[in-house]
C-alpha cells in the first residue's frame, strides 16, 4: 500500500505547523486515509523544542474539534528531508531556511502550504481580503505576536489548504 509522508514546517513549531498537522490528521481520519499518510510537524528554529503548542493555538483548534495537546515542538533535521515526501512550509522565510539545510536533491520536496488552497481568496476565508493586515495568500499568517483572531485565520487557511492537499494526494493513494 502506497503511503505519503508529510512534514509541516514553521519557525518555532508551536503555532502554525502544529495547527496544520492537527487539521490534516483530523481530515485524514474523516477521509479514512490515516493509514496512507504519515503526518508530522517541525520548526526551523530551536526555541521551542519539547514544548506544547501555544495555548492560543490549542484553544482555537479545540473550539473547532482539533486536539493539539499531545504535540511537542521539534526542530527539522537533515534526516527529515529523506524521511518525508513533502516538506510543507508556512511561509517564504521558512522555505528559504529549509533550502539552506537541505541537500540539493531534496529541494523539490519543499512546498508552501497555501499552494494547495485554491479557494484561499474566496469569501468566507477570514483574512483573505486583500486589505487584511499582514495577509498574503501565498503564506499562512504568523499569529504569534497578535491576538486570538490570528489563530482563527491560521485555522481557516490550514483547513482550506489541507482540503486541497488531500485532493492533490488522493490519486497517489488510490490502489
N, C-alpha and C. Protein backbone atom coordinates (compact mmCIF):
# COMPACT_ATOMS: atom_id res chain seq x y z
N UNK A 1 0.83 -1.17 0.00
CA UNK A 1 0.00 0.00 0.00
C UNK A 1 0.89 1.24 0.00
N UNK A 2 0.63 2.16 -0.90
CA UNK A 2 1.40 3.40 -1.03
C UNK A 2 1.07 4.34 0.12
N UNK A 3 2.12 4.87 0.75
CA UNK A 3 1.93 5.89 1.77
C UNK A 3 2.70 7.14 1.36
N UNK A 4 2.27 8.27 1.89
CA UNK A 4 2.93 9.54 1.66
C UNK A 4 3.24 10.13 3.03
N UNK A 5 4.45 10.63 3.20
CA UNK A 5 4.88 11.24 4.47
C UNK A 5 5.03 12.74 4.28
N UNK A 6 4.39 13.49 5.18
CA UNK A 6 4.35 14.95 5.10
C UNK A 6 4.83 15.55 6.41
N UNK A 7 5.66 16.58 6.31
CA UNK A 7 6.07 17.34 7.50
C UNK A 7 5.74 18.81 7.25
N UNK A 8 4.91 19.37 8.13
CA UNK A 8 4.57 20.80 8.07
C UNK A 8 5.62 21.57 8.88
N UNK A 9 6.06 22.71 8.35
CA UNK A 9 7.15 23.45 8.99
C UNK A 9 6.83 24.94 9.12
N UNK A 10 7.06 25.45 10.34
CA UNK A 10 7.01 26.89 10.57
C UNK A 10 8.27 27.25 11.35
N UNK A 11 8.30 28.41 11.93
CA UNK A 11 9.50 28.88 12.60
C UNK A 11 9.78 28.13 13.91
N UNK A 12 8.82 28.12 14.83
CA UNK A 12 9.07 27.54 16.14
C UNK A 12 8.35 26.24 16.43
N UNK A 13 7.44 25.84 15.57
CA UNK A 13 6.67 24.60 15.73
C UNK A 13 5.77 24.64 16.95
N UNK A 14 5.19 25.84 17.22
CA UNK A 14 4.22 25.92 18.31
C UNK A 14 2.91 26.59 17.90
N UNK A 15 2.82 27.13 16.69
CA UNK A 15 1.58 27.79 16.25
C UNK A 15 1.07 27.18 14.94
N UNK A 16 1.69 27.59 13.84
CA UNK A 16 1.16 27.25 12.52
C UNK A 16 1.35 25.79 12.14
N UNK A 17 2.57 25.26 12.26
CA UNK A 17 2.79 23.89 11.80
C UNK A 17 2.06 22.85 12.65
N UNK A 18 1.98 22.99 13.99
CA UNK A 18 1.17 22.00 14.71
C UNK A 18 -0.32 22.15 14.39
N UNK A 19 -0.76 23.37 14.09
CA UNK A 19 -2.15 23.56 13.69
C UNK A 19 -2.41 22.83 12.38
N UNK A 20 -1.51 23.00 11.41
CA UNK A 20 -1.66 22.30 10.12
C UNK A 20 -1.64 20.79 10.34
N UNK A 21 -0.74 20.31 11.20
CA UNK A 21 -0.68 18.88 11.49
C UNK A 21 -1.99 18.38 12.09
N UNK A 22 -2.53 19.12 13.06
CA UNK A 22 -3.78 18.72 13.70
C UNK A 22 -4.95 18.71 12.74
N UNK A 23 -5.05 19.74 11.92
CA UNK A 23 -6.12 19.81 10.92
C UNK A 23 -5.99 18.67 9.93
N UNK A 24 -4.77 18.43 9.45
CA UNK A 24 -4.55 17.37 8.46
C UNK A 24 -4.89 16.00 9.05
N UNK A 25 -4.46 15.74 10.27
CA UNK A 25 -4.76 14.45 10.90
C UNK A 25 -6.28 14.24 11.01
N UNK A 26 -6.99 15.28 11.41
CA UNK A 26 -8.44 15.20 11.55
C UNK A 26 -9.09 14.92 10.19
N UNK A 27 -8.68 15.67 9.18
CA UNK A 27 -9.27 15.50 7.85
C UNK A 27 -8.93 14.14 7.24
N UNK A 28 -7.73 13.64 7.50
CA UNK A 28 -7.36 12.31 7.02
C UNK A 28 -8.22 11.24 7.69
N UNK A 29 -8.50 11.41 8.99
CA UNK A 29 -9.37 10.46 9.69
C UNK A 29 -10.77 10.49 9.08
N UNK A 30 -11.28 11.70 8.81
CA UNK A 30 -12.60 11.83 8.20
C UNK A 30 -12.65 11.16 6.82
N UNK A 31 -11.53 11.24 6.08
CA UNK A 31 -11.45 10.66 4.73
C UNK A 31 -11.01 9.20 4.75
N UNK A 32 -10.81 8.65 5.95
CA UNK A 32 -10.36 7.27 6.13
C UNK A 32 -9.04 7.01 5.40
N UNK A 33 -8.10 7.95 5.55
CA UNK A 33 -6.79 7.86 4.91
C UNK A 33 -5.63 7.88 5.91
N UNK A 34 -5.91 7.71 7.18
CA UNK A 34 -4.84 7.80 8.18
C UNK A 34 -3.77 6.73 8.01
N UNK A 35 -4.13 5.60 7.43
CA UNK A 35 -3.15 4.55 7.22
C UNK A 35 -2.31 4.78 5.97
N UNK A 36 -2.63 5.81 5.21
CA UNK A 36 -1.91 6.07 3.96
C UNK A 36 -1.05 7.33 4.00
N UNK A 37 -1.24 8.17 5.00
CA UNK A 37 -0.49 9.43 5.07
C UNK A 37 0.12 9.58 6.45
N UNK A 38 1.42 9.74 6.50
CA UNK A 38 2.15 9.99 7.74
C UNK A 38 2.28 11.51 7.86
N UNK A 39 1.94 12.03 9.03
CA UNK A 39 1.93 13.48 9.22
C UNK A 39 2.76 13.84 10.45
N UNK A 40 3.56 14.89 10.33
CA UNK A 40 4.37 15.38 11.43
C UNK A 40 4.52 16.89 11.24
N UNK A 41 5.17 17.54 12.20
CA UNK A 41 5.48 18.96 12.05
C UNK A 41 6.79 19.24 12.75
N UNK A 42 7.41 20.35 12.36
CA UNK A 42 8.70 20.75 12.92
C UNK A 42 8.88 22.25 12.73
N UNK A 43 9.90 22.77 13.37
CA UNK A 43 10.24 24.18 13.22
C UNK A 43 11.64 24.32 12.64
N UNK A 44 11.89 25.45 12.01
CA UNK A 44 13.25 25.70 11.53
C UNK A 44 14.13 26.19 12.67
N UNK A 45 13.53 26.77 13.70
CA UNK A 45 14.27 27.24 14.86
C UNK A 45 14.24 26.24 15.99
N UNK A 46 15.08 26.47 17.00
CA UNK A 46 15.19 25.53 18.11
C UNK A 46 14.66 26.08 19.44
N UNK A 47 13.92 27.17 19.42
CA UNK A 47 13.49 27.84 20.64
C UNK A 47 12.47 27.05 21.44
N UNK A 48 11.66 26.22 20.80
CA UNK A 48 10.53 25.60 21.48
C UNK A 48 10.57 24.07 21.46
N UNK A 49 11.76 23.50 21.35
CA UNK A 49 11.88 22.04 21.33
C UNK A 49 11.29 21.46 22.62
N UNK A 50 10.42 20.48 22.46
CA UNK A 50 9.79 19.82 23.61
C UNK A 50 8.59 20.52 24.19
N UNK A 51 8.28 21.73 23.71
CA UNK A 51 7.15 22.49 24.25
C UNK A 51 5.85 22.13 23.55
N UNK A 52 4.76 22.26 24.30
CA UNK A 52 3.42 22.09 23.73
C UNK A 52 3.11 23.29 22.83
N UNK A 53 2.16 23.14 21.92
CA UNK A 53 1.77 24.28 21.09
C UNK A 53 1.28 25.45 21.96
N UNK A 54 1.39 26.63 21.40
CA UNK A 54 0.92 27.86 22.04
C UNK A 54 -0.52 27.65 22.55
N UNK A 55 -0.79 28.11 23.76
CA UNK A 55 -2.13 27.95 24.36
C UNK A 55 -3.22 28.53 23.47
N UNK A 56 -2.93 29.67 22.82
CA UNK A 56 -3.93 30.29 21.95
C UNK A 56 -4.23 29.41 20.75
N UNK A 57 -3.21 28.75 20.21
CA UNK A 57 -3.41 27.83 19.09
C UNK A 57 -4.23 26.63 19.55
N UNK A 58 -3.93 26.12 20.73
CA UNK A 58 -4.68 24.97 21.25
C UNK A 58 -6.14 25.33 21.49
N UNK A 59 -6.39 26.50 22.07
CA UNK A 59 -7.76 26.94 22.34
C UNK A 59 -8.56 27.08 21.05
N UNK A 60 -7.97 27.77 20.08
CA UNK A 60 -8.68 27.98 18.80
C UNK A 60 -8.94 26.64 18.12
N UNK A 61 -7.94 25.76 18.12
CA UNK A 61 -8.10 24.44 17.49
C UNK A 61 -9.18 23.63 18.19
N UNK A 62 -9.14 23.64 19.52
CA UNK A 62 -10.12 22.86 20.29
C UNK A 62 -11.55 23.33 20.00
N UNK A 63 -11.73 24.63 19.81
CA UNK A 63 -13.07 25.15 19.53
C UNK A 63 -13.62 24.63 18.20
N UNK A 64 -12.74 24.11 17.35
CA UNK A 64 -13.18 23.53 16.07
C UNK A 64 -13.06 22.01 16.04
N UNK A 65 -12.72 21.42 17.17
CA UNK A 65 -12.67 19.97 17.24
C UNK A 65 -11.31 19.34 16.99
N UNK A 66 -10.25 20.13 16.95
CA UNK A 66 -8.90 19.61 16.74
C UNK A 66 -8.16 19.58 18.07
N UNK A 67 -7.43 18.50 18.32
CA UNK A 67 -6.69 18.37 19.56
C UNK A 67 -5.19 18.46 19.27
N UNK A 68 -4.56 19.50 19.78
CA UNK A 68 -3.11 19.70 19.60
C UNK A 68 -2.34 19.40 20.88
N UNK A 69 -3.02 18.96 21.92
CA UNK A 69 -2.41 18.87 23.25
C UNK A 69 -1.25 17.87 23.35
N UNK A 70 -1.21 16.87 22.51
CA UNK A 70 -0.13 15.87 22.61
C UNK A 70 1.09 16.21 21.76
N UNK A 71 0.98 17.25 20.93
CA UNK A 71 2.10 17.62 20.05
C UNK A 71 3.19 18.30 20.87
N UNK A 72 4.44 18.09 20.46
CA UNK A 72 5.58 18.74 21.10
C UNK A 72 6.50 19.30 20.02
N UNK A 73 7.01 20.49 20.27
CA UNK A 73 7.88 21.16 19.32
C UNK A 73 9.17 20.40 19.08
N UNK A 74 9.59 20.42 17.83
CA UNK A 74 10.87 19.83 17.47
C UNK A 74 11.45 20.62 16.31
N UNK A 75 12.73 20.48 16.11
CA UNK A 75 13.41 21.19 15.03
C UNK A 75 13.62 20.23 13.86
N UNK A 76 13.43 20.75 12.66
CA UNK A 76 13.65 19.96 11.45
C UNK A 76 15.11 19.51 11.40
N UNK A 77 15.34 18.33 10.86
CA UNK A 77 16.71 17.81 10.76
C UNK A 77 17.00 17.40 9.33
N UNK A 78 18.26 17.20 9.03
CA UNK A 78 18.66 16.76 7.68
C UNK A 78 18.00 15.44 7.32
N UNK A 79 17.83 14.55 8.30
CA UNK A 79 17.21 13.24 8.05
C UNK A 79 15.76 13.38 7.60
N UNK A 80 15.09 14.46 8.02
CA UNK A 80 13.69 14.66 7.64
C UNK A 80 13.52 14.80 6.12
N UNK A 81 14.53 15.32 5.46
CA UNK A 81 14.41 15.50 4.01
C UNK A 81 14.41 14.17 3.27
N UNK A 82 15.02 13.17 3.88
CA UNK A 82 14.97 11.81 3.31
C UNK A 82 13.68 11.12 3.71
N UNK A 83 13.27 11.31 4.95
CA UNK A 83 12.12 10.61 5.52
C UNK A 83 10.78 11.03 4.93
N UNK A 84 10.63 12.32 4.62
CA UNK A 84 9.34 12.84 4.16
C UNK A 84 9.31 13.04 2.65
N UNK A 85 8.13 12.80 2.09
CA UNK A 85 7.91 13.02 0.66
C UNK A 85 7.66 14.50 0.37
N UNK A 86 7.02 15.17 1.32
CA UNK A 86 6.73 16.60 1.19
C UNK A 86 7.13 17.30 2.48
N UNK A 87 7.83 18.41 2.34
CA UNK A 87 8.17 19.29 3.45
C UNK A 87 7.40 20.58 3.14
N UNK A 88 6.35 20.83 3.91
CA UNK A 88 5.42 21.91 3.57
C UNK A 88 5.58 23.07 4.54
N UNK A 89 6.12 24.17 4.03
CA UNK A 89 6.40 25.35 4.84
C UNK A 89 5.20 26.29 4.89
N UNK A 90 5.15 27.06 5.96
CA UNK A 90 4.05 28.01 6.15
C UNK A 90 4.29 29.33 5.43
N UNK A 91 5.56 29.69 5.19
CA UNK A 91 5.84 30.97 4.54
C UNK A 91 7.18 30.93 3.81
N UNK A 92 7.44 31.99 3.06
CA UNK A 92 8.65 32.06 2.24
C UNK A 92 9.93 32.07 3.08
N UNK A 93 9.89 32.67 4.27
CA UNK A 93 11.08 32.68 5.13
C UNK A 93 11.47 31.26 5.53
N UNK A 94 10.48 30.45 5.83
CA UNK A 94 10.77 29.06 6.19
C UNK A 94 11.20 28.25 4.99
N UNK A 95 10.68 28.55 3.81
CA UNK A 95 11.16 27.89 2.58
C UNK A 95 12.65 28.18 2.42
N UNK A 96 13.04 29.44 2.58
CA UNK A 96 14.45 29.83 2.44
C UNK A 96 15.31 29.11 3.48
N UNK A 97 14.85 29.06 4.73
CA UNK A 97 15.61 28.38 5.79
C UNK A 97 15.74 26.88 5.49
N UNK A 98 14.69 26.27 4.97
CA UNK A 98 14.73 24.85 4.63
C UNK A 98 15.72 24.59 3.50
N UNK A 99 15.74 25.46 2.52
CA UNK A 99 16.65 25.27 1.39
C UNK A 99 18.11 25.39 1.81
N UNK A 100 18.38 26.14 2.87
CA UNK A 100 19.75 26.28 3.37
C UNK A 100 20.28 24.99 4.01
N UNK A 101 19.39 24.21 4.59
CA UNK A 101 19.83 22.99 5.28
C UNK A 101 19.54 21.72 4.49
N UNK A 102 18.93 21.86 3.36
CA UNK A 102 18.50 20.71 2.56
C UNK A 102 19.52 20.39 1.47
N UNK A 103 19.79 19.11 1.28
CA UNK A 103 20.64 18.69 0.16
C UNK A 103 19.91 19.03 -1.15
N UNK A 104 20.65 19.45 -2.18
CA UNK A 104 20.01 19.88 -3.43
C UNK A 104 19.02 18.87 -4.01
N UNK A 105 19.29 17.58 -3.86
CA UNK A 105 18.41 16.58 -4.45
C UNK A 105 17.03 16.49 -3.78
N UNK A 106 16.87 17.15 -2.63
CA UNK A 106 15.58 17.11 -1.93
C UNK A 106 14.81 18.43 -2.02
N UNK A 107 15.35 19.42 -2.66
CA UNK A 107 14.71 20.75 -2.67
C UNK A 107 13.32 20.74 -3.32
N UNK A 108 13.09 19.79 -4.24
CA UNK A 108 11.78 19.74 -4.89
C UNK A 108 10.69 19.22 -3.95
N UNK A 109 11.05 18.74 -2.77
CA UNK A 109 10.07 18.31 -1.78
C UNK A 109 9.47 19.48 -1.01
N UNK A 110 10.14 20.63 -1.05
CA UNK A 110 9.72 21.80 -0.28
C UNK A 110 8.63 22.56 -1.03
N UNK A 111 7.51 22.75 -0.35
CA UNK A 111 6.37 23.47 -0.94
C UNK A 111 5.79 24.42 0.10
N UNK A 112 4.99 25.36 -0.35
CA UNK A 112 4.24 26.24 0.54
C UNK A 112 2.86 25.62 0.77
N UNK A 113 2.37 25.64 1.99
CA UNK A 113 1.07 25.06 2.28
C UNK A 113 -0.04 25.71 1.45
N UNK A 114 0.01 27.02 1.31
CA UNK A 114 -1.08 27.71 0.63
C UNK A 114 -1.14 27.43 -0.87
N UNK A 115 -0.12 26.77 -1.42
CA UNK A 115 -0.20 26.32 -2.82
C UNK A 115 -1.35 25.34 -3.01
N UNK A 116 -1.75 24.69 -1.94
CA UNK A 116 -2.79 23.67 -2.02
C UNK A 116 -4.18 24.23 -1.71
N UNK A 117 -4.30 25.53 -1.52
CA UNK A 117 -5.57 26.15 -1.17
C UNK A 117 -6.10 26.99 -2.32
N UNK A 118 -6.74 26.35 -3.29
CA UNK A 118 -7.23 27.11 -4.43
C UNK A 118 -8.30 28.13 -4.05
N UNK A 119 -8.96 27.90 -2.92
CA UNK A 119 -10.01 28.83 -2.51
C UNK A 119 -9.57 29.81 -1.44
N UNK A 120 -8.26 30.02 -1.30
CA UNK A 120 -7.75 30.89 -0.24
C UNK A 120 -8.26 32.32 -0.35
N UNK A 121 -8.52 32.78 -1.56
CA UNK A 121 -9.01 34.14 -1.73
C UNK A 121 -10.54 34.21 -1.74
N UNK A 122 -11.18 33.06 -1.57
CA UNK A 122 -12.64 33.03 -1.63
C UNK A 122 -13.26 33.68 -0.41
N UNK A 123 -14.43 34.27 -0.58
CA UNK A 123 -15.15 34.81 0.57
C UNK A 123 -15.37 33.69 1.59
N UNK A 124 -15.33 34.03 2.84
CA UNK A 124 -15.54 33.02 3.87
C UNK A 124 -14.23 32.56 4.50
N UNK A 125 -13.11 32.84 3.86
CA UNK A 125 -11.82 32.56 4.48
C UNK A 125 -11.38 33.86 5.13
N UNK A 126 -11.51 33.90 6.45
CA UNK A 126 -11.19 35.13 7.17
C UNK A 126 -9.77 35.57 6.87
N UNK A 127 -9.59 36.85 6.68
CA UNK A 127 -8.26 37.37 6.41
C UNK A 127 -7.90 37.31 4.94
N UNK A 128 -8.78 36.73 4.11
CA UNK A 128 -8.47 36.59 2.69
C UNK A 128 -8.63 37.91 1.94
N UNK A 129 -9.19 38.89 2.60
CA UNK A 129 -9.37 40.18 1.94
C UNK A 129 -8.00 40.79 1.67
N UNK A 130 -7.84 41.37 0.50
CA UNK A 130 -6.54 41.92 0.11
C UNK A 130 -6.06 43.02 1.05
N UNK A 131 -6.98 43.70 1.73
CA UNK A 131 -6.56 44.78 2.62
C UNK A 131 -6.35 44.30 4.06
N UNK A 132 -6.47 43.01 4.31
CA UNK A 132 -6.25 42.50 5.67
C UNK A 132 -4.78 42.69 6.04
N UNK A 133 -4.51 43.21 7.23
CA UNK A 133 -3.12 43.46 7.61
C UNK A 133 -2.31 42.18 7.67
N UNK A 134 -1.18 42.19 7.01
CA UNK A 134 -0.27 41.06 7.05
C UNK A 134 -0.70 39.84 6.26
N UNK A 135 -1.78 39.95 5.50
CA UNK A 135 -2.27 38.77 4.78
C UNK A 135 -1.64 38.68 3.40
N UNK A 136 -1.11 37.52 3.10
CA UNK A 136 -0.56 37.21 1.79
C UNK A 136 -1.11 35.84 1.45
N UNK A 137 -1.82 35.72 0.36
CA UNK A 137 -2.47 34.46 0.04
C UNK A 137 -1.48 33.32 -0.19
N UNK A 138 -0.19 33.65 -0.36
CA UNK A 138 0.83 32.62 -0.54
C UNK A 138 1.33 32.05 0.78
N UNK A 139 1.08 32.74 1.86
CA UNK A 139 1.65 32.35 3.14
C UNK A 139 0.59 32.21 4.22
N UNK A 140 0.85 31.32 5.18
CA UNK A 140 0.00 31.22 6.36
C UNK A 140 0.48 32.31 7.31
N UNK A 141 -0.45 33.16 7.75
CA UNK A 141 -0.08 34.28 8.62
C UNK A 141 0.54 33.78 9.92
N UNK A 142 1.50 34.53 10.45
CA UNK A 142 2.12 34.18 11.72
C UNK A 142 1.34 34.89 12.83
N UNK A 143 0.62 34.13 13.66
CA UNK A 143 -0.24 34.75 14.68
C UNK A 143 0.46 35.03 16.01
N UNK A 144 1.71 34.66 16.14
CA UNK A 144 2.38 34.63 17.43
C UNK A 144 2.33 35.96 18.19
N UNK A 145 2.57 37.07 17.51
CA UNK A 145 2.63 38.36 18.20
C UNK A 145 1.31 39.12 18.18
N UNK A 146 0.24 38.47 17.72
CA UNK A 146 -1.06 39.11 17.66
C UNK A 146 -2.04 38.53 18.66
N UNK A 147 -3.30 38.81 18.41
CA UNK A 147 -4.36 38.32 19.30
C UNK A 147 -4.97 37.03 18.79
N UNK A 148 -6.07 36.66 19.39
CA UNK A 148 -6.75 35.41 19.08
C UNK A 148 -7.23 35.30 17.65
N UNK A 149 -7.60 36.42 17.04
CA UNK A 149 -8.11 36.38 15.67
C UNK A 149 -7.09 35.79 14.70
N UNK A 150 -5.81 36.03 14.93
CA UNK A 150 -4.77 35.48 14.06
C UNK A 150 -4.78 33.97 14.04
N UNK A 151 -5.10 33.36 15.18
CA UNK A 151 -5.15 31.90 15.26
C UNK A 151 -6.36 31.35 14.52
N UNK A 152 -7.43 32.13 14.50
CA UNK A 152 -8.61 31.74 13.71
C UNK A 152 -8.30 31.80 12.22
N UNK A 153 -7.57 32.83 11.81
CA UNK A 153 -7.17 32.94 10.39
C UNK A 153 -6.27 31.77 10.00
N UNK A 154 -5.33 31.42 10.88
CA UNK A 154 -4.45 30.27 10.61
C UNK A 154 -5.29 29.02 10.42
N UNK A 155 -6.28 28.81 11.27
CA UNK A 155 -7.15 27.64 11.13
C UNK A 155 -7.89 27.67 9.80
N UNK A 156 -8.43 28.83 9.42
CA UNK A 156 -9.12 28.95 8.14
C UNK A 156 -8.19 28.57 6.99
N UNK A 157 -6.98 29.11 7.04
CA UNK A 157 -6.02 28.83 5.98
C UNK A 157 -5.63 27.36 5.96
N UNK A 158 -5.37 26.79 7.12
CA UNK A 158 -4.98 25.37 7.19
C UNK A 158 -6.11 24.46 6.72
N UNK A 159 -7.34 24.78 7.09
CA UNK A 159 -8.47 23.97 6.64
C UNK A 159 -8.59 23.99 5.12
N UNK A 160 -8.50 25.18 4.53
CA UNK A 160 -8.60 25.28 3.07
C UNK A 160 -7.45 24.54 2.39
N UNK A 161 -6.24 24.73 2.89
CA UNK A 161 -5.07 24.12 2.26
C UNK A 161 -5.04 22.60 2.47
N UNK A 162 -5.41 22.13 3.63
CA UNK A 162 -5.40 20.68 3.88
C UNK A 162 -6.46 19.97 3.04
N UNK A 163 -7.61 20.60 2.84
CA UNK A 163 -8.61 20.02 1.91
C UNK A 163 -8.00 19.88 0.52
N UNK A 164 -7.32 20.94 0.06
CA UNK A 164 -6.68 20.90 -1.25
C UNK A 164 -5.55 19.89 -1.32
N UNK A 165 -4.79 19.77 -0.23
CA UNK A 165 -3.68 18.81 -0.19
C UNK A 165 -4.20 17.38 -0.27
N UNK A 166 -5.25 17.08 0.47
CA UNK A 166 -5.84 15.73 0.40
C UNK A 166 -6.34 15.45 -1.01
N UNK A 167 -6.98 16.42 -1.62
CA UNK A 167 -7.46 16.24 -3.00
C UNK A 167 -6.29 15.99 -3.95
N UNK A 168 -5.18 16.69 -3.75
CA UNK A 168 -4.00 16.52 -4.60
C UNK A 168 -3.35 15.15 -4.38
N UNK A 169 -3.39 14.65 -3.16
CA UNK A 169 -2.75 13.37 -2.84
C UNK A 169 -3.62 12.17 -3.20
N UNK A 170 -4.91 12.35 -3.24
CA UNK A 170 -5.84 11.23 -3.41
C UNK A 170 -5.47 10.30 -4.59
N UNK A 171 -5.10 10.82 -5.77
CA UNK A 171 -4.75 9.91 -6.87
C UNK A 171 -3.55 9.01 -6.55
N UNK A 172 -2.61 9.51 -5.75
CA UNK A 172 -1.44 8.70 -5.37
C UNK A 172 -1.80 7.63 -4.35
N UNK A 173 -2.87 7.87 -3.60
CA UNK A 173 -3.24 6.98 -2.50
C UNK A 173 -4.25 5.92 -2.90
N UNK A 174 -4.81 6.05 -4.09
CA UNK A 174 -5.79 5.10 -4.56
C UNK A 174 -5.08 3.87 -5.11
N UNK A 175 -5.47 2.69 -4.64
CA UNK A 175 -4.79 1.47 -5.09
C UNK A 175 -4.98 1.21 -6.58
